Amino acid sequence: GAEPRRVARVAAMMRAEPERAFALEDLATAAGLSRFHFLRVFSKATGQTPHAFLVNQRVNRAQVLLRAGERPAEVAVACGFADQPHLTRIFRRIVGVTPGQYARATRH
């Protein structure tokens, strides 16, 4: 049906700009669904809530930037985290190491 395509379009939008502060209401509107229905459909399609999906996209982008040699403070801002400690807390929870440890381990 149309719902999976709409959700895929919204997920692609979030993947393209993870630094943006997406409100649930705006995502639902973009998908043409009510907030609650969007939440259900999105979670079923992706296995994650929109917020968890966005946080994971931010961490994925952070990993790319850290591997490219960007400093954690700059990465935090570029990826939509409030500040470097926020990036560090979330990054460690998802990846298992701090951004600094990750950068040192993955730079060539």
C-alpha atoms as a PDB file:
ATOM      1  CA  GLY A   1       0.000   0.000   0.000  1.00  0.00           C
ATOM      2  CA  ALA A   2       0.863   3.660   0.133  1.00  0.00           C
ATOM      3  CA  GLU A   3       1.751   3.734   3.842  1.00  0.00           C
ATOM      4  CA  PRO A   4       5.067   1.837   3.565  1.00  0.00           C
ATOM      5  CA  ARG A   5       6.120   4.114   0.694  1.00  0.00           C
ATOM      6  CA  ARG A   6       5.230   7.203   2.723  1.00  0.00           C
ATOM      7  CA  VAL A   7       7.161   5.910   5.725  1.00  0.00           C
ATOM      8  CA  ALA A   8      10.134   5.041   3.496  1.00  0.00           C
ATOM      9  CA  ARG A   9      10.081   8.598   2.134  1.00  0.00           C
ATOM     10  CA  VAL A  10      10.079  10.046   5.670  1.00  0.00           C
ATOM     11  CA  ALA A  11      12.873   7.667   6.745  1.00  0.00           C
ATOM     12  CA  ALA A  12      14.928   8.784   3.733  1.00  0.00           C
ATOM     13  CA  MET A  13      14.353  12.412   4.722  1.00  0.00           C
ATOM     14  CA  MET A  14      15.615  11.650   8.245  1.00  0.00           C
ATOM     15  CA  ARG A  15      18.610   9.748   6.854  1.00  0.00           C
ATOM     16  CA  ALA A  16      19.505  12.675   4.585  1.00  0.00           C
ATOM     17  CA  GLU A  17      19.374  15.307   7.341  1.00  0.00           C
ATOM     18  CA  PRO A  18      19.877  13.630  10.727  1.00  0.00           C
ATOM     19  CA  GLU A  19      21.071  16.918  12.220  1.00  0.00           C
ATOM     20  CA  ARG A  20      17.580  18.402  11.820  1.00  0.00           C
ATOM     21  CA  ALA A  21      15.240  18.522  14.783  1.00  0.00           C
ATOM     22  CA  PHE A  22      12.270  16.591  13.424  1.00  0.00           C
ATOM     23  CA  ALA A  23       9.030  16.885  15.389  1.00  0.00           C
ATOM     24  CA  LEU A  24       6.775  13.835  15.400  1.00  0.00           C
ATOM     25  CA  GLU A  25       3.909  16.018  14.186  1.00  0.00           C
ATOM     26  CA  ASP A  26       5.933  17.175  11.167  1.00  0.00           C
ATOM     27  CA  LEU A  27       7.018  13.634  10.277  1.00  0.00           C
ATOM     28  CA  ALA A  28       3.431  12.397  10.503  1.00  0.00           C
ATOM     29  CA  THR A  29       2.243  15.290   8.339  1.00  0.00           C
ATOM     30  CA  ALA A  30       4.949  14.524   5.760  1.00  0.00           C
ATOM     31  CA  ALA A  31       3.679  10.930   5.664  1.00  0.00           C
ATOM     32  CA  GLY A  32       0.062  12.085   5.474  1.00  0.00           C
ATOM     33  CA  LEU A  33      -0.858  10.175   8.640  1.00  0.00           C
ATOM     34  CA  SER A  34      -2.013  11.010  12.159  1.00  0.00           C
ATOM     35  CA  ARG A  35       0.763  11.113  14.773  1.00  0.00           C
ATOM     36  CA  PHE A  36      -0.322   7.887  16.424  1.00  0.00           C
ATOM     37  CA  HIS A  37      -0.857   5.984  13.195  1.00  0.00           C
ATOM     38  CA  PHE A  38       2.483   7.242  11.843  1.00  0.00           C
ATOM     39  CA  LEU A  39       4.218   6.074  15.022  1.00  0.00           C
ATOM     40  CA  ARG A  40       2.712   2.590  14.660  1.00  0.00           C
ATOM     41  CA  VAL A  41       3.430   2.283  10.936  1.00  0.00           C
ATOM     42  CA  PHE A  42       6.965   3.699  11.208  1.00  0.00           C
ATOM     43  CA  SER A  43       7.852   1.463  14.155  1.00  0.00           C
ATOM     44  CA  LYS A  44       6.518  -1.604  12.364  1.00  0.00           C
ATOM     45  CA  ALA A  45       8.377  -0.751   9.138  1.00  0.00           C
ATOM     46  CA  THR A  46      11.744   0.119  10.708  1.00  0.00           C
ATOM     47  CA  GLY A  47      11.718  -1.781  13.993  1.00  0.00           C
ATOM     48  CA  GLN A  48      12.374   1.506  15.798  1.00  0.00           C
ATOM     49  CA  THR A  49      10.458   4.544  16.955  1.00  0.00           C
ATOM     50  CA  PRO A  50      11.102   7.659  14.844  1.00  0.00           C
ATOM     51  CA  HIS A  51      13.230   9.096  17.671  1.00  0.00           C
ATOM     52  CA  ALA A  52      15.388   5.970  18.003  1.00  0.00           C
ATOM     53  CA  PHE A  53      15.747   5.838  14.215  1.00  0.00           C
ATOM     54  CA  LEU A  54      16.878   9.479  14.122  1.00  0.00           C
ATOM     55  CA  VAL A  55      19.374   8.986  16.958  1.00  0.00           C
ATOM     56  CA  ASN A  56      20.843   5.997  15.114  1.00  0.00           C
ATOM     57  CA  GLN A  57      21.120   8.046  11.915  1.00  0.00           C
ATOM     58  CA  ARG A  58      22.959  10.740  13.887  1.00  0.00           C
ATOM     59  CA  VAL A  59      25.376   8.189  15.312  1.00  0.00           C
ATOM     60  CA  ASN A  60      25.942   6.705  11.836  1.00  0.00           C
ATOM     61  CA  ARG A  61      26.767  10.181  10.503  1.00  0.00           C
ATOM     62  CA  ALA A  62      29.027  10.809  13.517  1.00  0.00           C
ATOM     63  CA  GLN A  63      30.950   7.609  12.758  1.00  0.00           C
ATOM     64  CA  VAL A  64      31.552   8.740   9.170  1.00  0.00           C
ATOM     65  CA  LEU A  65      32.778  12.178  10.276  1.00  0.00           C
ATOM     66  CA  LEU A  66      35.004  10.756  13.028  1.00  0.00           C
ATOM     67  CA  ARG A  67      36.595   8.324  10.557  1.00  0.00           C
ATOM     68  CA  ALA A  68      37.233  11.320   8.284  1.00  0.00           C
ATOM     69  CA  GLY A  69      39.197  13.008  11.079  1.00  0.00           C
ATOM     70  CA  GLU A  70      36.638  15.522  12.360  1.00  0.00           C
ATOM     71  CA  ARG A  71      36.927  16.472  16.036  1.00  0.00           C
ATOM     72  CA  PRO A  72      34.181  15.192  18.382  1.00  0.00           C
ATOM     73  CA  ALA A  73      33.037  18.722  19.313  1.00  0.00           C
ATOM     74  CA  GLU A  74      32.505  19.584  15.634  1.00  0.00           C
ATOM     75  CA  VAL A  75      30.869  16.217  14.974  1.00  0.00           C
ATOM     76  CA  ALA A  76      28.390  16.789  17.808  1.00  0.00           C
ATOM     77  CA  VAL A  77      27.151  20.041  16.268  1.00  0.00           C
ATOM     78  CA  ALA A  78      27.173  18.704  12.697  1.00  0.00           C
ATOM     79  CA  CYS A  79      25.068  15.690  13.691  1.00  0.00           C
ATOM     80  CA  GLY A  80      22.410  17.493  15.721  1.00  0.00           C
ATOM     81  CA  PHE A  81      23.542  16.638  19.242  1.00  0.00           C
ATOM     82  CA  ALA A  82      23.138  19.306  21.921  1.00  0.00           C
ATOM     83  CA  ASP A  83      26.865  19.308  22.711  1.00  0.00           C
ATOM     84  CA  GLN A  84      29.907  17.018  22.898  1.00  0.00           C
ATOM     85  CA  PRO A  85      28.888  15.355  26.214  1.00  0.00           C
ATOM     86  CA  HIS A  86      25.494  14.526  24.674  1.00  0.00           C
ATOM     87  CA  LEU A  87      27.221  12.970  21.645  1.00  0.00           C
ATOM     88  CA  THR A  88      29.577  11.035  23.929  1.00  0.00           C
ATOM     89  CA  ARG A  89      26.752   9.673  26.087  1.00  0.00           C
ATOM     90  CA  ILE A  90      24.603   8.534  23.155  1.00  0.00           C
ATOM     91  CA  PHE A  91      27.546   7.308  21.060  1.00  0.00           C
ATOM     92  CA  ARG A  92      28.904   5.179  23.921  1.00  0.00           C
ATOM     93  CA  ARG A  93      25.462   3.700  24.566  1.00  0.00           C
ATOM     94  CA  ILE A  94      25.018   2.681  20.908  1.00  0.00           C
ATOM     95  CA  VAL A  95      28.571   1.953  19.716  1.00  0.00           C
ATOM     96  CA  GLY A  96      30.140   0.821  22.995  1.00  0.00           C
ATOM     97  CA  VAL A  97      33.083   3.240  22.985  1.00  0.00           C
ATOM     98  CA  THR A  98      33.446   7.022  23.195  1.00  0.00           C
ATOM     99  CA  PRO A  99      33.749   9.091  20.001  1.00  0.00           C
ATOM    100  CA  GLY A 100      37.424   9.737  20.807  1.00  0.00           C
ATOM    101  CA  GLN A 101      38.150   6.029  21.235  1.00  0.00           C
ATOM    102  CA  TYR A 102      36.271   5.272  18.023  1.00  0.00           C
ATOM    103  CA  ALA A 103      38.184   7.948  16.106  1.00  0.00           C
ATOM    104  CA  ARG A 104      41.560   6.658  17.303  1.00  0.00           C
ATOM    105  CA  ALA A 105      40.642   3.057  16.474  1.00  0.00           C
ATOM    106  CA  THR A 106      39.303   3.749  12.979  1.00  0.00           C
ATOM    107  CA  ARG A 107      41.596   6.427  11.547  1.00  0.00           C
ATOM    108  CA  HIS A 108      44.009   5.203   8.938  1.00  0.00           C
END
